[in-house]
Amino acid sequence: MSDSALSQDEIDALLAGGDSSAAGAAAAGGGGSDADRQTLQSFLSSTADAQSSSLSSMTGATVAIKGPQGSFSNRDAFLAQLPEKVTTIKVDFSSGFPGEHVFLLPEDVAKSIAGLMTKEENIELDEMAMSVIGEAVGTIVGSEVTALTEKTGNKSIVNIPPEAANVPKAAVALPAGDFFVASYQLDLGDGKANQFWEILGPSVSGDIARALSPAPAAGSAANGPDLGAAMGGAASAANNMPGMSPLGQPTNVQPVQFPGLVSRPTAQEAGNIGLLMDVFMEMTVELGRTRKLIKEILGMGEGTIIELDKLAGEPVDILVNHKLIAKGEVVVIDENFGVRVTEIVSPMERMNSLD
C-alpha cells in the first residue's frame, strides 16, 4: 500500500463528515457544551451545603463538601486521574432523568467514612462497610433529587438503591462516550482535603442541563414578528371591523359576565376517576418510630426491647403509599389484628406530609 493511502481513522472521520483531527478531539473527551457544564456545576454546587449537613449528622464529624469542578471526559482520560483502587457506588436514575449515575471514592476515603459511621478504627471494606458507604452516598443523592425536583418540577425522579463495591480502577464501570464529571473536595473534620467524583452519563447530563436551563422567552426580538408591523396591521384591521372607531377604539362596551365559581366535576372527570377505582395501593399501620445508631442496630438480638415515640394508648398512624391519611386504634377481630379509624387527617396536613 502506498504512503498516500488513508488510515482507518481518516476513513472513519471522512465517513462521519469531519477530518482526523476532529475525530481525535472527540476521542479526547469534552463532548458536552460549556453551557451544559456550567449549568450542571452550578446546580451541584447549590446542593453542597445540604450534603455536608447530612454527612455530618451521619458521621458525627464536621463534614464539609466543596465544589464541584465540572468537566466532560471519557473513560481513558478519566481513569488516568484515579488511584489504583476505588470504591464505586452505582445510583442510576430509574425515572425522571433515567440513565447512568455513579460516585467514586478513593479506597482510603471510603474507609474513613465507614469508620466514622460505625465508630470503628482500621475498618475493612467488607459487606457491612459497603452498605454503610452506600447509605452515606444515598443521602447525598437524596439532597440532589430534592433540589432537582424543586428546580425542574419533575416529581418522578427516582434512583436505584446504592450498589457499592471496592474494585481496581480498571474494573470501574463507566458510561460510554463523553460523560460529565463533578470533582469534589471533602473534609471529614480533620482538615485534610480528600477528593471524590460524581459521574453523570451523557443522556442524564444532557437531560438535566436542558431541564435546568431557562426556556427562551416567547416572541423574542431575535425570532418574534416585527412589533410595529403587527400593531399597524391590527389598527388597519380594526378600522374595518363593526363596532370599532377609526382609531381602533370600541364603540359598544358591555360588562363581561363570568360564570359562578362553583366546582362541579364534569362527566369526563367522573369517568376518569372511575378508571382509578381498581388501582391497588399499599396501606400500612405504624405503631411508632425511633432512631438508632448503626452500632445499636447491629447489636440487636432476640429479646431486645425497642422503645418507640408513641405513648401507650395513643392512636396509631394509617398510611397509604407511606403518606399519613388517618389515625386509629388497634382492635382484634376473630384473632386477627385490625384498626378502627378514629380520625381522618385534614387536607392541609395531608398536603404538608407530601413535602
Protein backbone atom coordinates (compact mmCIF):
# COMPACT_ATOMS: atom_id res chain seq x y z
CA MET A 1 0.00 0.00 0.00
CA SER A 2 1.38 3.47 -0.91
CA ASP A 3 2.27 6.17 1.60
CA SER A 4 -0.65 8.27 0.33
CA ALA A 5 -3.25 5.69 1.41
CA LEU A 6 -5.77 6.84 4.04
CA SER A 7 -5.57 5.38 7.52
CA GLN A 8 -8.62 3.76 9.11
CA ASP A 9 -9.01 6.78 11.45
CA GLU A 10 -9.03 9.15 8.48
CA ILE A 11 -11.60 6.99 6.68
CA ASP A 12 -13.82 6.96 9.78
CA ALA A 13 -13.53 10.74 10.10
CA LEU A 14 -14.46 11.27 6.45
CA LEU A 15 -17.48 8.99 6.79
CA ALA A 16 -18.56 10.97 9.86
CA GLY A 17 -18.33 14.25 7.93
CA GLY A 18 -15.17 15.54 9.62
CA ASP A 19 -11.39 15.18 9.48
CA SER A 20 -8.99 13.11 11.50
CA SER A 21 -8.14 15.98 13.83
CA ALA A 22 -11.82 16.42 14.75
CA ALA A 23 -12.10 12.70 15.40
CA GLY A 24 -9.07 12.87 17.67
CA ALA A 25 -10.57 15.77 19.59
CA ALA A 26 -13.79 13.86 20.16
CA ALA A 27 -11.88 10.83 21.40
CA ALA A 28 -10.09 13.01 23.95
CA GLY A 29 -13.36 13.94 25.67
CA GLY A 30 -15.19 17.22 26.11
CA GLY A 31 -18.26 16.24 24.07
CA GLY A 32 -20.71 18.31 26.18
CA SER A 33 -21.23 22.02 25.67
CA ASP A 34 -19.71 24.59 28.01
CA ALA A 35 -23.20 25.89 28.78
CA ASP A 36 -24.26 22.42 29.95
CA ARG A 37 -21.09 22.14 32.04
CA GLN A 38 -21.73 25.45 33.77
CA THR A 39 -25.41 24.64 34.38
CA LEU A 40 -24.62 21.26 35.97
CA GLN A 41 -21.72 22.63 38.01
CA SER A 42 -23.86 25.48 39.35
CA PHE A 43 -26.70 23.14 40.30
CA LEU A 44 -24.46 20.62 42.10
CA SER A 45 -22.69 23.45 43.94
CA SER A 46 -26.06 24.60 45.28
CA THR A 47 -26.59 21.21 46.97
CA ALA A 48 -23.17 21.03 48.67
CA ASP A 49 -24.31 22.61 51.96
CA ALA A 50 -27.24 20.18 52.35
CA GLN A 51 -24.94 17.25 51.58
CA SER A 52 -22.39 18.44 54.13
CA SER A 53 -25.08 18.72 56.79
CA SER A 54 -26.42 15.22 56.04
CA LEU A 55 -22.99 13.59 56.21
CA SER A 56 -22.16 15.49 59.40
CA SER A 57 -25.28 14.05 61.04
CA MET A 58 -24.46 10.53 59.91
CA THR A 59 -20.78 10.53 60.84
CA GLY A 60 -20.77 12.74 63.92
CA ALA A 61 -17.92 14.76 62.36
CA THR A 62 -17.94 18.27 60.92
CA VAL A 63 -18.01 17.35 57.25
CA ALA A 64 -17.51 19.96 54.55
CA ILE A 65 -18.06 19.31 50.84
CA LYS A 66 -16.66 21.94 48.46
CA GLY A 67 -17.08 22.32 44.73
CA PRO A 68 -17.53 20.71 42.45
CA GLN A 69 -15.44 21.45 39.41
CA GLY A 70 -17.29 20.13 36.37
CA SER A 71 -15.92 18.83 33.07
CA PHE A 72 -16.71 16.38 30.30
CA SER A 73 -14.39 13.41 29.85
CA ASN A 74 -14.21 9.87 28.52
CA ARG A 75 -13.10 6.61 30.11
CA ASP A 76 -9.39 6.71 29.26
CA ALA A 77 -8.92 10.35 30.25
CA PHE A 78 -10.84 9.96 33.50
CA LEU A 79 -9.21 6.71 34.65
CA ALA A 80 -5.83 8.45 34.46
CA GLN A 81 -6.96 10.67 37.38
CA LEU A 82 -7.94 7.81 39.69
CA PRO A 83 -5.88 5.95 42.30
CA GLU A 84 -5.31 2.25 41.67
CA LYS A 85 -8.24 1.16 43.88
CA VAL A 86 -11.56 2.95 44.27
CA THR A 87 -14.96 2.38 45.81
CA THR A 88 -17.75 2.78 43.28
CA ILE A 89 -21.35 3.46 44.27
CA LYS A 90 -23.85 2.97 41.46
CA VAL A 91 -27.04 5.04 41.92
CA ASP A 92 -28.51 5.18 38.41
CA PHE A 93 -31.68 7.20 37.90
CA SER A 94 -34.52 4.82 37.04
CA SER A 95 -37.10 7.50 36.20
CA GLY A 96 -37.37 11.26 35.82
CA PHE A 97 -33.99 11.56 34.11
CA PRO A 98 -33.19 7.87 33.53
CA GLY A 99 -29.57 6.90 32.96
CA GLU A 100 -26.17 6.24 34.49
CA HIS A 101 -25.14 7.90 37.76
CA VAL A 102 -22.03 6.81 39.69
CA PHE A 103 -19.96 8.06 42.64
CA LEU A 104 -16.29 7.11 43.10
CA LEU A 105 -14.26 7.37 46.32
CA PRO A 106 -10.57 6.62 46.82
CA GLU A 107 -10.23 3.49 48.96
CA ASP A 108 -8.80 5.36 51.95
CA VAL A 109 -11.62 7.95 51.85
CA ALA A 110 -14.22 5.17 51.77
CA LYS A 111 -12.59 3.57 54.83
CA SER A 112 -12.60 6.90 56.68
CA ILE A 113 -16.31 7.45 56.03
CA ALA A 114 -17.23 3.89 57.03
CA GLY A 115 -15.07 4.16 60.16
CA LEU A 116 -16.75 7.40 61.25
CA MET A 117 -20.22 5.97 60.73
CA THR A 118 -19.57 2.69 62.56
CA LYS A 119 -17.25 4.23 65.18
CA GLU A 120 -14.58 1.66 64.32
CA GLU A 121 -10.88 2.12 63.65
CA ASN A 122 -8.89 0.27 60.97
CA ILE A 123 -12.11 -0.84 59.32
CA GLU A 124 -12.08 -3.26 56.39
CA LEU A 125 -14.22 -2.65 53.35
CA ASP A 126 -16.39 -5.70 53.83
CA GLU A 127 -20.08 -6.12 53.01
CA MET A 128 -21.20 -4.16 56.06
CA ALA A 129 -18.85 -1.28 55.26
CA MET A 130 -20.11 -1.22 51.66
CA SER A 131 -23.67 -0.98 52.96
CA VAL A 132 -22.73 1.92 55.24
CA ILE A 133 -20.98 3.79 52.41
CA GLY A 134 -23.95 3.19 50.14
CA GLU A 135 -26.20 4.73 52.79
CA ALA A 136 -23.94 7.80 53.01
CA VAL A 137 -23.99 8.31 49.25
CA GLY A 138 -27.74 7.73 49.29
CA THR A 139 -28.16 10.82 51.48
CA ILE A 140 -26.12 12.88 49.00
CA VAL A 141 -28.28 11.70 46.12
CA GLY A 142 -31.40 12.40 48.17
CA SER A 143 -30.34 16.04 48.56
CA GLU A 144 -29.77 16.28 44.81
CA VAL A 145 -33.11 14.69 43.93
CA THR A 146 -34.95 17.07 46.29
CA ALA A 147 -33.26 20.13 44.78
CA LEU A 148 -33.71 18.84 41.23
CA THR A 149 -37.42 18.26 41.82
CA GLU A 150 -37.86 21.79 43.17
CA LYS A 151 -35.95 23.42 40.30
CA THR A 152 -37.41 21.43 37.39
CA GLY A 153 -40.86 20.48 38.68
CA ASN A 154 -40.17 16.86 37.71
CA LYS A 155 -41.67 14.82 40.56
CA SER A 156 -40.89 11.40 39.06
CA ILE A 157 -37.14 11.41 39.76
CA VAL A 158 -36.13 8.10 41.36
CA ASN A 159 -32.73 6.41 41.73
CA ILE A 160 -31.93 2.74 42.29
CA PRO A 161 -30.73 1.66 45.75
CA PRO A 162 -26.97 2.34 46.07
CA GLU A 163 -24.74 -0.55 44.95
CA ALA A 164 -21.23 -0.20 46.41
CA ALA A 165 -18.09 -2.18 45.54
CA ASN A 166 -14.35 -1.76 46.06
CA VAL A 167 -12.51 -2.55 42.80
CA PRO A 168 -9.32 -1.81 40.84
CA LYS A 169 -9.79 1.28 38.71
CA ALA A 170 -9.53 -0.75 35.50
CA ALA A 171 -12.70 -2.60 36.54
CA VAL A 172 -14.76 0.55 37.13
CA ALA A 173 -17.96 0.56 35.04
CA LEU A 174 -18.20 3.98 33.38
CA PRO A 175 -20.66 5.33 30.80
CA ALA A 176 -19.74 5.05 27.13
CA GLY A 177 -18.73 8.17 25.22
CA ASP A 178 -18.31 11.59 26.81
CA PHE A 179 -19.80 11.86 30.30
CA PHE A 180 -19.97 14.63 32.90
CA VAL A 181 -17.50 14.50 35.81
CA ALA A 182 -18.02 16.52 39.01
CA SER A 183 -14.87 16.62 41.16
CA TYR A 184 -15.46 17.46 44.85
CA GLN A 185 -13.21 18.33 47.78
CA LEU A 186 -14.17 16.58 51.01
CA ASP A 187 -13.07 17.47 54.56
CA LEU A 188 -14.08 14.83 57.13
CA GLY A 189 -13.40 17.11 60.08
CA ASP A 190 -9.65 16.50 60.20
CA GLY A 191 -8.68 19.41 57.94
CA LYS A 192 -7.45 17.02 55.26
CA ALA A 193 -8.59 17.67 51.68
CA ASN A 194 -9.91 14.49 50.10
CA GLN A 195 -11.31 14.10 46.61
CA PHE A 196 -14.27 12.19 45.25
CA TRP A 197 -16.12 12.17 41.94
CA GLU A 198 -19.68 12.08 40.66
CA ILE A 199 -20.38 10.80 37.14
CA LEU A 200 -23.47 11.54 35.04
CA GLY A 201 -23.92 9.61 31.80
CA PRO A 202 -24.31 11.51 28.51
CA SER A 203 -28.11 11.22 28.35
CA VAL A 204 -28.59 12.09 32.05
CA SER A 205 -26.32 15.14 31.98
CA GLY A 206 -27.93 16.44 28.78
CA ASP A 207 -31.49 15.93 30.04
CA ILE A 208 -30.79 17.56 33.42
CA ALA A 209 -28.94 20.52 31.87
CA ARG A 210 -31.85 21.17 29.49
CA ALA A 211 -34.39 20.91 32.31
CA LEU A 212 -32.42 23.38 34.44
CA SER A 213 -31.87 25.88 31.61
CA PRO A 214 -34.45 28.67 31.34
CA ALA A 215 -36.77 28.40 28.34
CA PRO A 216 -36.37 31.15 25.70
CA ALA A 217 -38.89 33.94 26.05
CA ALA A 218 -41.78 33.77 23.58
CA GLY A 219 -41.78 36.41 20.86
CA SER A 220 -38.16 37.43 21.46
CA ALA A 221 -36.62 40.11 19.28
CA ALA A 222 -34.49 37.51 17.51
CA ASN A 223 -37.33 35.28 16.36
CA GLY A 224 -40.57 37.20 17.05
CA PRO A 225 -42.58 39.17 14.46
CA ASP A 226 -42.00 42.86 13.82
CA LEU A 227 -43.98 44.58 16.59
CA GLY A 228 -44.55 47.81 14.63
CA ALA A 229 -45.86 45.93 11.61
CA ALA A 230 -48.13 43.82 13.81
CA MET A 231 -49.55 46.90 15.54
CA GLY A 232 -50.07 48.64 12.21
CA GLY A 233 -51.84 45.62 10.81
CA ALA A 234 -54.06 45.36 13.89
CA ALA A 235 -55.04 49.04 13.65
CA SER A 236 -55.81 48.68 9.96
CA ALA A 237 -57.99 45.65 10.62
CA ALA A 238 -59.79 47.46 13.43
CA ASN A 239 -60.87 50.24 11.05
CA ASN A 240 -62.81 47.67 9.04
CA MET A 241 -64.43 45.89 12.00
CA PRO A 242 -68.01 46.68 13.05
CA GLY A 243 -68.30 48.33 16.43
CA MET A 244 -64.81 49.85 16.25
CA SER A 245 -63.94 53.53 15.78
CA PRO A 246 -61.47 54.63 13.07
CA LEU A 247 -58.80 54.87 15.78
CA GLY A 248 -59.41 51.27 16.84
CA GLN A 249 -61.41 52.18 19.98
CA PRO A 250 -64.51 50.08 20.80
CA THR A 251 -67.80 51.97 20.49
CA ASN A 252 -70.06 49.43 22.22
CA VAL A 253 -68.65 48.30 25.56
CA GLN A 254 -70.55 45.81 27.73
CA PRO A 255 -69.56 44.28 31.08
CA VAL A 256 -68.24 40.72 30.92
CA GLN A 257 -70.45 38.08 32.52
CA PHE A 258 -68.42 35.41 34.35
CA PRO A 259 -69.89 32.06 35.38
CA GLY A 260 -70.22 31.29 39.08
CA LEU A 261 -67.18 29.77 40.79
CA VAL A 262 -68.86 26.52 41.75
CA SER A 263 -66.74 23.41 41.31
CA ARG A 264 -68.64 20.64 39.59
CA PRO A 265 -66.93 17.56 38.19
CA THR A 266 -67.63 17.09 34.51
CA ALA A 267 -68.81 13.78 33.13
CA GLN A 268 -65.36 13.23 31.64
CA GLU A 269 -63.65 13.89 35.00
CA ALA A 270 -66.02 11.50 36.77
CA GLY A 271 -65.26 8.86 34.18
CA ASN A 272 -61.50 9.37 34.58
CA ILE A 273 -61.77 8.92 38.36
CA GLY A 274 -63.65 5.70 37.74
CA LEU A 275 -60.62 4.36 35.87
CA LEU A 276 -58.60 4.54 39.10
CA MET A 277 -61.01 2.61 41.29
CA ASP A 278 -59.32 -0.75 40.65
CA VAL A 279 -55.76 0.52 41.31
CA PHE A 280 -54.06 -1.21 44.26
CA MET A 281 -52.33 0.96 46.87
CA GLU A 282 -50.24 -0.07 49.85
CA MET A 283 -51.86 0.63 53.22
CA THR A 284 -49.77 0.30 56.37
CA VAL A 285 -50.35 0.93 60.07
CA GLU A 286 -47.45 2.42 62.00
CA LEU A 287 -47.27 1.85 65.72
CA GLY A 288 -44.35 4.23 66.18
CA ARG A 289 -40.83 5.17 65.17
CA THR A 290 -37.39 5.59 66.68
CA ARG A 291 -33.85 6.42 65.55
CA LYS A 292 -30.85 4.27 66.36
CA LEU A 293 -27.14 4.35 65.66
CA ILE A 294 -25.86 1.69 63.31
CA LYS A 295 -23.84 0.12 66.11
CA GLU A 296 -27.04 -0.16 68.20
CA ILE A 297 -28.91 -1.84 65.35
CA LEU A 298 -26.06 -4.28 64.77
CA GLY A 299 -26.12 -5.14 68.48
CA MET A 300 -29.78 -6.16 68.48
CA GLY A 301 -30.75 -9.73 69.19
CA GLU A 302 -33.66 -11.82 70.32
CA GLY A 303 -35.36 -10.26 73.33
CA THR A 304 -34.17 -6.72 72.61
CA ILE A 305 -36.80 -4.13 73.54
CA ILE A 306 -37.10 -1.11 71.24
CA GLU A 307 -38.76 1.98 72.72
CA LEU A 308 -40.94 3.88 70.23
CA ASP A 309 -42.01 7.52 70.13
CA LYS A 310 -45.66 6.69 70.96
CA LEU A 311 -47.19 6.58 74.43
CA ALA A 312 -49.37 3.66 75.45
CA GLY A 313 -52.93 4.30 74.32
CA GLU A 314 -52.01 6.83 71.63
CA PRO A 315 -53.64 6.34 68.21
CA VAL A 316 -51.63 4.60 65.53
CA ASP A 317 -50.91 6.17 62.13
CA ILE A 318 -52.62 4.85 59.00
CA LEU A 319 -50.58 5.45 55.85
CA VAL A 320 -51.34 4.94 52.17
CA ASN A 321 -48.23 4.69 49.99
CA HIS A 322 -46.26 5.98 53.01
CA LYS A 323 -48.40 9.14 53.31
CA LEU A 324 -50.39 9.77 56.51
CA ILE A 325 -54.17 9.85 55.85
CA ALA A 326 -55.80 8.84 59.16
CA LYS A 327 -55.33 7.75 62.79
CA GLY A 328 -56.94 4.83 64.57
CA GLU A 329 -56.90 2.35 67.43
CA VAL A 330 -55.85 -1.29 67.33
CA VAL A 331 -58.62 -3.88 67.70
CA VAL A 332 -58.79 -7.67 67.49
CA ILE A 333 -61.22 -9.26 65.04
CA ASP A 334 -61.51 -13.07 65.04
CA GLU A 335 -57.93 -13.49 66.30
CA ASN A 336 -56.64 -11.02 63.70
CA PHE A 337 -55.41 -7.52 64.39
CA GLY A 338 -57.37 -4.65 62.89
CA VAL A 339 -57.53 -0.87 63.14
CA ARG A 340 -60.63 1.21 63.82
CA VAL A 341 -60.37 4.64 62.16
CA THR A 342 -60.87 7.37 64.76
CA GLU A 343 -59.66 10.45 62.86
CA ILE A 344 -59.21 11.46 59.21
CA VAL A 345 -56.23 13.73 58.67
CA SER A 346 -57.21 17.16 57.32
CA PRO A 347 -56.38 18.01 53.67
CA MET A 348 -53.86 20.62 54.86
CA GLU A 349 -51.99 18.08 57.00
CA ARG A 350 -52.01 15.62 54.10
CA MET A 351 -50.52 18.27 51.78
CA ASN A 352 -47.81 19.03 54.36
CA SER A 353 -46.94 15.33 54.55
CA LEU A 354 -46.18 15.33 50.82
CA ASP A 355 -43.23 17.75 51.28
